[in-house]
PDB file of N, CA and C in Angstrom:
ATOM      1  N   MET A   1     160.642 -93.119 -34.240  1.00  0.00           N
ATOM      2  CA  MET A   1     161.739 -92.178 -34.286  1.00  0.00           C
ATOM      3  C   MET A   1     162.789 -92.691 -35.272  1.00  0.00           C
ATOM      4  N   GLN A   2     163.235 -91.806 -36.148  1.00  0.00           N
ATOM      5  CA  GLN A   2     164.215 -92.190 -37.157  1.00  0.00           C
ATOM      6  C   GLN A   2     165.611 -91.816 -36.679  1.00  0.00           C
ATOM      7  N   THR A   3     166.547 -92.742 -36.840  1.00  0.00           N
ATOM      8  CA  THR A   3     167.938 -92.488 -36.482  1.00  0.00           C
ATOM      9  C   THR A   3     168.640 -91.817 -37.653  1.00  0.00           C
ATOM     10  N   VAL A   4     169.353 -90.754 -37.375  1.00  0.00           N
ATOM     11  CA  VAL A   4     170.075 -90.024 -38.415  1.00  0.00           C
ATOM     12  C   VAL A   4     171.535 -90.455 -38.382  1.00  0.00           C
ATOM     13  N   THR A   5     172.061 -90.780 -39.541  1.00  0.00           N
ATOM     14  CA  THR A   5     173.470 -91.143 -39.664  1.00  0.00           C
ATOM     15  C   THR A   5     174.282 -89.885 -39.921  1.00  0.00           C
ATOM     16  N   HIS A   6     175.341 -89.700 -39.171  1.00  0.00           N
ATOM     17  CA  HIS A   6     176.237 -88.567 -39.364  1.00  0.00           C
ATOM     18  C   HIS A   6     177.305 -88.973 -40.373  1.00  0.00           C
ATOM     19  N   ILE A   7     177.490 -88.133 -41.371  1.00  0.00           N
ATOM     20  CA  ILE A   7     178.401 -88.465 -42.468  1.00  0.00           C
ATOM     21  C   ILE A   7     179.561 -87.485 -42.496  1.00  0.00           C
ATOM     22  N   ARG A   8     180.746 -88.047 -42.541  1.00  0.00           N
ATOM     23  CA  ARG A   8     181.975 -87.265 -42.706  1.00  0.00           C
ATOM     24  C   ARG A   8     182.442 -87.539 -44.139  1.00  0.00           C
ATOM     25  N   ALA A   9     182.460 -86.501 -44.963  1.00  0.00           N
ATOM     26  CA  ALA A   9     182.773 -86.695 -46.377  1.00  0.00           C
ATOM     27  C   ALA A   9     184.113 -86.066 -46.738  1.00  0.00           C
ATOM     28  N   THR A  10     184.872 -86.797 -47.552  1.00  0.00           N
ATOM     29  CA  THR A  10     186.106 -86.285 -48.140  1.00  0.00           C
ATOM     30  C   THR A  10     185.883 -86.260 -49.644  1.00  0.00           C
ATOM     31  N   LEU A  11     185.993 -85.076 -50.244  1.00  0.00           N
ATOM     32  CA  LEU A  11     185.773 -84.943 -51.678  1.00  0.00           C
ATOM     33  C   LEU A  11     187.097 -84.860 -52.412  1.00  0.00           C
ATOM     34  N   LYS A  12     187.208 -85.626 -53.505  1.00  0.00           N
ATOM     35  CA  LYS A  12     188.410 -85.603 -54.345  1.00  0.00           C
ATOM     36  C   LYS A  12     187.981 -85.421 -55.783  1.00  0.00           C
ATOM     37  N   PRO A  13     188.455 -84.418 -56.462  1.00  0.00           N
ATOM     38  CA  PRO A  13     189.443 -83.465 -55.987  1.00  0.00           C
ATOM     39  C   PRO A  13     188.805 -82.453 -55.027  1.00  0.00           C
ATOM     40  N   TRP A  14     189.610 -81.982 -54.136  1.00  0.00           N
ATOM     41  CA  TRP A  14     189.116 -81.056 -53.119  1.00  0.00           C
ATOM     42  C   TRP A  14     189.026 -79.628 -53.644  1.00  0.00           C
ATOM     43  N   ASP A  15     189.634 -79.350 -54.791  1.00  0.00           N
ATOM     44  CA  ASP A  15     189.704 -77.979 -55.286  1.00  0.00           C
ATOM     45  C   ASP A  15     188.822 -77.712 -56.512  1.00  0.00           C
ATOM     46  N   ASP A  16     187.735 -78.452 -56.653  1.00  0.00           N
ATOM     47  CA  ASP A  16     186.799 -78.243 -57.762  1.00  0.00           C
ATOM     48  C   ASP A  16     185.503 -77.666 -57.193  1.00  0.00           C
ATOM     49  N   PRO A  17     185.314 -76.345 -57.263  1.00  0.00           N
ATOM     50  CA  PRO A  17     184.135 -75.737 -56.644  1.00  0.00           C
ATOM     51  C   PRO A  17     182.813 -76.202 -57.261  1.00  0.00           C
ATOM     52  N   ASP A  18     182.792 -76.494 -58.553  1.00  0.00           N
ATOM     53  CA  ASP A  18     181.563 -76.979 -59.179  1.00  0.00           C
ATOM     54  C   ASP A  18     181.173 -78.344 -58.625  1.00  0.00           C
ATOM     55  N   PHE A  19     182.152 -79.205 -58.445  1.00  0.00           N
ATOM     56  CA  PHE A  19     181.899 -80.530 -57.882  1.00  0.00           C
ATOM     57  C   PHE A  19     181.411 -80.411 -56.439  1.00  0.00           C
ATOM     58  N   HIS A  20     182.006 -79.519 -55.685  1.00  0.00           N
ATOM     59  CA  HIS A  20     181.590 -79.319 -54.294  1.00  0.00           C
ATOM     60  C   HIS A  20     180.155 -78.807 -54.219  1.00  0.00           C
ATOM     61  N   ARG A  21     179.814 -77.851 -55.083  1.00  0.00           N
ATOM     62  CA  ARG A  21     178.437 -77.332 -55.095  1.00  0.00           C
ATOM     63  C   ARG A  21     177.449 -78.435 -55.470  1.00  0.00           C
ATOM     64  N   ALA A  22     177.809 -79.239 -56.460  1.00  0.00           N
ATOM     65  CA  ALA A  22     176.928 -80.330 -56.877  1.00  0.00           C
ATOM     66  C   ALA A  22     176.756 -81.338 -55.740  1.00  0.00           C
ATOM     67  N   TYR A  23     177.840 -81.632 -55.025  1.00  0.00           N
ATOM     68  CA  TYR A  23     177.756 -82.555 -53.897  1.00  0.00           C
ATOM     69  C   TYR A  23     176.848 -81.990 -52.811  1.00  0.00           C
ATOM     70  N   GLU A  24     177.054 -80.736 -52.452  1.00  0.00           N
ATOM     71  CA  GLU A  24     176.248 -80.122 -51.394  1.00  0.00           C
ATOM     72  C   GLU A  24     174.769 -80.103 -51.767  1.00  0.00           C
ATOM     73  N   ALA A  25     174.460 -79.797 -53.014  1.00  0.00           N
ATOM     74  CA  ALA A  25     173.070 -79.789 -53.467  1.00  0.00           C
ATOM     75  C   ALA A  25     172.470 -81.190 -53.404  1.00  0.00           C
ATOM     76  N   ALA A  26     173.230 -82.183 -53.863  1.00  0.00           N
ATOM     77  CA  ALA A  26     172.742 -83.565 -53.839  1.00  0.00           C
ATOM     78  C   ALA A  26     172.560 -84.049 -52.403  1.00  0.00           C
ATOM     79  N   ARG A  27     173.498 -83.719 -51.546  1.00  0.00           N
ATOM     80  CA  ARG A  27     173.410 -84.135 -50.138  1.00  0.00           C
ATOM     81  C   ARG A  27     172.217 -83.489 -49.453  1.00  0.00           C
ATOM     82  N   HIS A  28     171.983 -82.213 -49.734  1.00  0.00           N
ATOM     83  CA  HIS A  28     170.833 -81.507 -49.166  1.00  0.00           C
ATOM     84  C   HIS A  28     169.530 -82.148 -49.651  1.00  0.00           C
ATOM     85  N   GLN A  29     169.455 -82.427 -50.937  1.00  0.00           N
ATOM     86  CA  GLN A  29     168.259 -83.056 -51.502  1.00  0.00           C
ATOM     87  C   GLN A  29     168.027 -84.431 -50.884  1.00  0.00           C
ATOM     88  N   THR A  30     169.081 -85.178 -50.677  1.00  0.00           N
ATOM     89  CA  THR A  30     168.980 -86.516 -50.095  1.00  0.00           C
ATOM     90  C   THR A  30     168.531 -86.456 -48.644  1.00  0.00           C
ATOM     91  N   THR A  31     169.062 -85.506 -47.893  1.00  0.00           N
ATOM     92  CA  THR A  31     168.682 -85.361 -46.490  1.00  0.00           C
ATOM     93  C   THR A  31     167.200 -85.074 -46.369  1.00  0.00           C
ATOM     94  N   GLU A  32     166.679 -84.224 -47.249  1.00  0.00           N
ATOM     95  CA  GLU A  32     165.252 -83.914 -47.226  1.00  0.00           C
ATOM     96  C   GLU A  32     164.416 -85.115 -47.655  1.00  0.00           C
ATOM     97  N   ALA A  33     164.936 -85.910 -48.585  1.00  0.00           N
ATOM     98  CA  ALA A  33     164.171 -87.023 -49.136  1.00  0.00           C
ATOM     99  C   ALA A  33     164.023 -88.182 -48.160  1.00  0.00           C
ATOM    100  N   ASP A  34     165.106 -88.546 -47.464  1.00  0.00           N
ATOM    101  CA  ASP A  34     165.022 -89.759 -46.639  1.00  0.00           C
ATOM    102  C   ASP A  34     165.611 -89.606 -45.246  1.00  0.00           C
ATOM    103  N   GLY A  35     165.864 -88.392 -44.836  1.00  0.00           N
ATOM    104  CA  GLY A  35     166.412 -88.196 -43.500  1.00  0.00           C
ATOM    105  C   GLY A  35     167.896 -88.454 -43.401  1.00  0.00           C
ATOM    106  N   GLY A  36     168.549 -88.787 -44.502  1.00  0.00           N
ATOM    107  CA  GLY A  36     169.992 -88.947 -44.499  1.00  0.00           C
ATOM    108  C   GLY A  36     170.492 -90.327 -44.139  1.00  0.00           C
ATOM    109  N   ASP A  37     169.664 -91.369 -44.275  1.00  0.00           N
ATOM    110  CA  ASP A  37     170.106 -92.731 -44.006  1.00  0.00           C
ATOM    111  C   ASP A  37     171.349 -93.031 -44.834  1.00  0.00           C
ATOM    112  N   GLY A  38     172.446 -93.387 -44.180  1.00  0.00           N
ATOM    113  CA  GLY A  38     173.769 -93.497 -44.774  1.00  0.00           C
ATOM    114  C   GLY A  38     173.895 -94.195 -46.103  1.00  0.00           C
ATOM    115  N   LEU A  39     173.687 -95.500 -46.171  1.00  0.00           N
ATOM    116  CA  LEU A  39     173.933 -96.239 -47.411  1.00  0.00           C
ATOM    117  C   LEU A  39     172.960 -95.849 -48.514  1.00  0.00           C
ATOM    118  N   HIS A  40     171.696 -95.687 -48.167  1.00  0.00           N
ATOM    119  CA  HIS A  40     170.715 -95.283 -49.170  1.00  0.00           C
ATOM    120  C   HIS A  40     171.014 -93.868 -49.666  1.00  0.00           C
ATOM    121  N   ALA A  41     171.441 -93.006 -48.769  1.00  0.00           N
ATOM    122  CA  ALA A  41     171.799 -91.641 -49.156  1.00  0.00           C
ATOM    123  C   ALA A  41     172.995 -91.645 -50.101  1.00  0.00           C
ATOM    124  N   ALA A  42     173.983 -92.481 -49.850  1.00  0.00           N
ATOM    125  CA  ALA A  42     175.160 -92.555 -50.716  1.00  0.00           C
ATOM    126  C   ALA A  42     174.776 -92.958 -52.135  1.00  0.00           C
ATOM    127  N   ILE A  43     173.882 -93.910 -52.253  1.00  0.00           N
ATOM    128  CA  ILE A  43     173.419 -94.352 -53.576  1.00  0.00           C
ATOM    129  C   ILE A  43     172.739 -93.203 -54.305  1.00  0.00           C
ATOM    130  N   LEU A  44     171.876 -92.492 -53.599  1.00  0.00           N
ATOM    131  CA  LEU A  44     171.149 -91.386 -54.215  1.00  0.00           C
ATOM    132  C   LEU A  44     172.071 -90.222 -54.562  1.00  0.00           C
ATOM    133  N   VAL A  45     172.984 -89.875 -53.669  1.00  0.00           N
ATOM    134  CA  VAL A  45     173.919 -88.780 -53.942  1.00  0.00           C
ATOM    135  C   VAL A  45     174.789 -89.121 -55.140  1.00  0.00           C
ATOM    136  N   GLU A  46     175.262 -90.346 -55.233  1.00  0.00           N
ATOM    137  CA  GLU A  46     176.069 -90.748 -56.385  1.00  0.00           C
ATOM    138  C   GLU A  46     175.271 -90.591 -57.677  1.00  0.00           C
ATOM    139  N   ARG A  47     174.025 -91.019 -57.662  1.00  0.00           N
ATOM    140  CA  ARG A  47     173.178 -90.894 -58.853  1.00  0.00           C
ATOM    141  C   ARG A  47     172.959 -89.423 -59.214  1.00  0.00           C
ATOM    142  N   LEU A  48     172.687 -88.591 -58.212  1.00  0.00           N
ATOM    143  CA  LEU A  48     172.458 -87.166 -58.464  1.00  0.00           C
ATOM    144  C   LEU A  48     173.716 -86.475 -58.989  1.00  0.00           C
ATOM    145  N   LEU A  49     174.886 -86.863 -58.482  1.00  0.00           N
ATOM    146  CA  LEU A  49     176.137 -86.291 -58.994  1.00  0.00           C
ATOM    147  C   LEU A  49     176.338 -86.651 -60.464  1.00  0.00           C
ATOM    148  N   ARG A  50     176.039 -87.882 -60.811  1.00  0.00           N
ATOM    149  CA  ARG A  50     176.179 -88.301 -62.213  1.00  0.00           C
ATOM    150  C   ARG A  50     175.215 -87.538 -63.104  1.00  0.00           C
ATOM    151  N   GLU A  51     173.992 -87.346 -62.617  1.00  0.00           N
ATOM    152  CA  GLU A  51     172.997 -86.589 -63.381  1.00  0.00           C
ATOM    153  C   GLU A  51     173.373 -85.112 -63.491  1.00  0.00           C
ATOM    154  N   ALA A  52     174.170 -84.610 -62.544  1.00  0.00           N
ATOM    155  CA  ALA A  52     174.571 -83.201 -62.531  1.00  0.00           C
ATOM    156  C   ALA A  52     175.778 -82.927 -63.422  1.00  0.00           C
ATOM    157  N   GLY A  53     176.227 -83.927 -64.166  1.00  0.00           N
ATOM    158  CA  GLY A  53     177.323 -83.700 -65.095  1.00  0.00           C
ATOM    159  C   GLY A  53     178.648 -84.307 -64.683  1.00  0.00           C
ATOM    160  N   PHE A  54     178.634 -85.176 -63.698  1.00  0.00           N
ATOM    161  CA  PHE A  54     179.845 -85.875 -63.265  1.00  0.00           C
ATOM    162  C   PHE A  54     179.610 -87.375 -63.443  1.00  0.00           C
ATOM    163  N   PRO A  55     179.672 -87.853 -64.701  1.00  0.00           N
ATOM    164  CA  PRO A  55     179.254 -89.217 -65.020  1.00  0.00           C
ATOM    165  C   PRO A  55     180.097 -90.315 -64.375  1.00  0.00           C
ATOM    166  N   HIS A  56     181.281 -89.990 -63.909  1.00  0.00           N
ATOM    167  CA  HIS A  56     182.145 -91.002 -63.307  1.00  0.00           C
ATOM    168  C   HIS A  56     182.212 -90.881 -61.786  1.00  0.00           C
ATOM    169  N   ALA A  57     181.349 -90.039 -61.225  1.00  0.00           N
ATOM    170  CA  ALA A  57     181.354 -89.846 -59.769  1.00  0.00           C
ATOM    171  C   ALA A  57     181.085 -91.175 -59.070  1.00  0.00           C
ATOM    172  N   ARG A  58     181.762 -91.356 -57.940  1.00  0.00           N
ATOM    173  CA  ARG A  58     181.606 -92.594 -57.169  1.00  0.00           C
ATOM    174  C   ARG A  58     181.744 -92.253 -55.687  1.00  0.00           C
ATOM    175  N   ILE A  59     180.977 -92.951 -54.874  1.00  0.00           N
ATOM    176  CA  ILE A  59     181.083 -92.775 -53.431  1.00  0.00           C
ATOM    177  C   ILE A  59     181.463 -94.109 -52.820  1.00  0.00           C
ATOM    178  N   GLU A  60     182.543 -94.094 -52.050  1.00  0.00           N
ATOM    179  CA  GLU A  60     182.960 -95.269 -51.290  1.00  0.00           C
ATOM    180  C   GLU A  60     182.575 -95.011 -49.833  1.00  0.00           C
ATOM    181  N   VAL A  61     181.821 -95.934 -49.258  1.00  0.00           N
ATOM    182  CA  VAL A  61     181.371 -95.786 -47.882  1.00  0.00           C
ATOM    183  C   VAL A  61     182.235 -96.664 -46.985  1.00  0.00           C
ATOM    184  N   GLU A  62     182.829 -96.035 -45.977  1.00  0.00           N
ATOM    185  CA  GLU A  62     183.662 -96.754 -45.010  1.00  0.00           C
ATOM    186  C   GLU A  62     183.017 -96.609 -43.643  1.00  0.00           C
ATOM    187  N   ARG A  63     182.889 -97.721 -42.934  1.00  0.00           N
ATOM    188  CA  ARG A  63     182.288 -97.646 -41.601  1.00  0.00           C
ATOM    189  C   ARG A  63     182.812 -98.793 -40.749  1.00  0.00           C
ATOM    190  N   THR A  64     183.405 -98.438 -39.622  1.00  0.00           N
ATOM    191  CA  THR A  64     183.862 -99.449 -38.672  1.00  0.00           C
ATOM    192  C   THR A  64     182.694 -99.881 -37.797  1.00  0.00           C
ATOM    193  N   ILE A  65     182.884-100.903 -37.029  1.00  0.00           N
ATOM    194  CA  ILE A  65     181.841-101.344 -36.104  1.00  0.00           C
ATOM    195  C   ILE A  65     181.503-100.242 -35.114  1.00  0.00           C
ATOM    196  N   GLN A  66     182.515 -99.561 -34.604  1.00  0.00           N
ATOM    197  CA  GLN A  66     182.290 -98.473 -33.659  1.00  0.00           C
ATOM    198  C   GLN A  66     181.493 -97.346 -34.307  1.00  0.00           C
ATOM    199  N   GLU A  67     181.818 -97.036 -35.566  1.00  0.00           N
ATOM    200  CA  GLU A  67     181.074 -95.995 -36.271  1.00  0.00           C
ATOM    201  C   GLU A  67     179.628 -96.416 -36.506  1.00  0.00           C
ATOM    202  N   ALA A  68     179.412 -97.676 -36.831  1.00  0.00           N
ATOM    203  CA  ALA A  68     178.050 -98.161 -37.029  1.00  0.00           C
ATOM    204  C   ALA A  68     177.230 -98.020 -35.747  1.00  0.00           C
ATOM    205  N   LEU A  69     177.831 -98.368 -34.625  1.00  0.00           N
ATOM    206  CA  LEU A  69     177.130 -98.236 -33.348  1.00  0.00           C
ATOM    207  C   LEU A  69     176.836 -96.774 -33.015  1.00  0.00           C
ATOM    208  N   ALA A  70     177.711 -95.877 -33.478  1.00  0.00           N
ATOM    209  CA  ALA A  70     177.535 -94.447 -33.220  1.00  0.00           C
ATOM    210  C   ALA A  70     176.749 -93.757 -34.347  1.00  0.00           C
ATOM    211  N   HIS A  71     176.271 -94.533 -35.313  1.00  0.00           N
ATOM    212  CA  HIS A  71     175.537 -94.001 -36.468  1.00  0.00           C
ATOM    213  C   HIS A  71     176.354 -92.935 -37.200  1.00  0.00           C
ATOM    214  N   THR A  72     177.595 -93.292 -37.504  1.00  0.00           N
ATOM    215  CA  THR A  72     178.526 -92.413 -38.205  1.00  0.00           C
ATOM    216  C   THR A  72     179.193 -93.208 -39.315  1.00  0.00           C
ATOM    217  N   GLU A  73     179.494 -92.542 -40.416  1.00  0.00           N
ATOM    218  CA  GLU A  73     180.260 -93.198 -41.473  1.00  0.00           C
ATOM    219  C   GLU A  73     181.057 -92.166 -42.246  1.00  0.00           C
ATOM    220  N   HIS A  74     182.026 -92.639 -42.998  1.00  0.00           N
ATOM    221  CA  HIS A  74     182.894 -91.768 -43.787  1.00  0.00           C
ATOM    222  C   HIS A  74     182.654 -92.063 -45.253  1.00  0.00           C
ATOM    223  N   TRP A  75     182.442 -90.994 -46.020  1.00  0.00           N
ATOM    224  CA  TRP A  75     182.289 -91.135 -47.464  1.00  0.00           C
ATOM    225  C   TRP A  75     183.531 -90.581 -48.142  1.00  0.00           C
ATOM    226  N   LEU A  76     184.046 -91.312 -49.094  1.00  0.00           N
ATOM    227  CA  LEU A  76     185.068 -90.812 -50.001  1.00  0.00           C
ATOM    228  C   LEU A  76     184.336 -90.550 -51.307  1.00  0.00           C
ATOM    229  N   VAL A  77     184.187 -89.284 -51.662  1.00  0.00           N
ATOM    230  CA  VAL A  77     183.406 -88.876 -52.819  1.00  0.00           C
ATOM    231  C   VAL A  77     184.388 -88.525 -53.934  1.00  0.00           C
ATOM    232  N   LEU A  78     184.391 -89.343 -54.971  1.00  0.00           N
ATOM    233  CA  LEU A  78     185.361 -89.218 -56.060  1.00  0.00           C
ATOM    234  C   LEU A  78     184.689 -88.694 -57.323  1.00  0.00           C
ATOM    235  N   ARG A  79     185.185 -87.600 -57.847  1.00  0.00           N
ATOM    236  CA  ARG A  79     184.622 -87.015 -59.064  1.00  0.00           C
ATOM    237  C   ARG A  79     184.869 -87.906 -60.270  1.00  0.00           C
ATOM    238  N   ASP A  80     186.070 -88.457 -60.372  1.00  0.00           N
ATOM    239  CA  ASP A  80     186.460 -89.199 -61.573  1.00  0.00           C
ATOM    240  C   ASP A  80     186.522 -90.708 -61.363  1.00  0.00           C
ATOM    241  N   GLY A  81     185.786 -91.213 -60.409  1.00  0.00           N
ATOM    242  CA  GLY A  81     185.720 -92.645 -60.159  1.00  0.00           C
ATOM    243  C   GLY A  81     186.903 -93.177 -59.571  1.00  0.00           C
TER     244      GLY A  81
END
């Protein structure tokens, strides 16, 4: 049985619809590819965002001990690094 990590993402800038669409597409593709494993998914989503025309995109993963135990993490998804 595979454990799924729940991800809470904050996108900056929050008002760029193209960036949001690219993020959602990359996240969907990543979920299908590996079940959404947190750290590996972040690496893949960052790469897919860069390939989608956001060359400075960066994802910062934040996770407390409590979040790790609950299989939850927070992503700060930055368009401009």
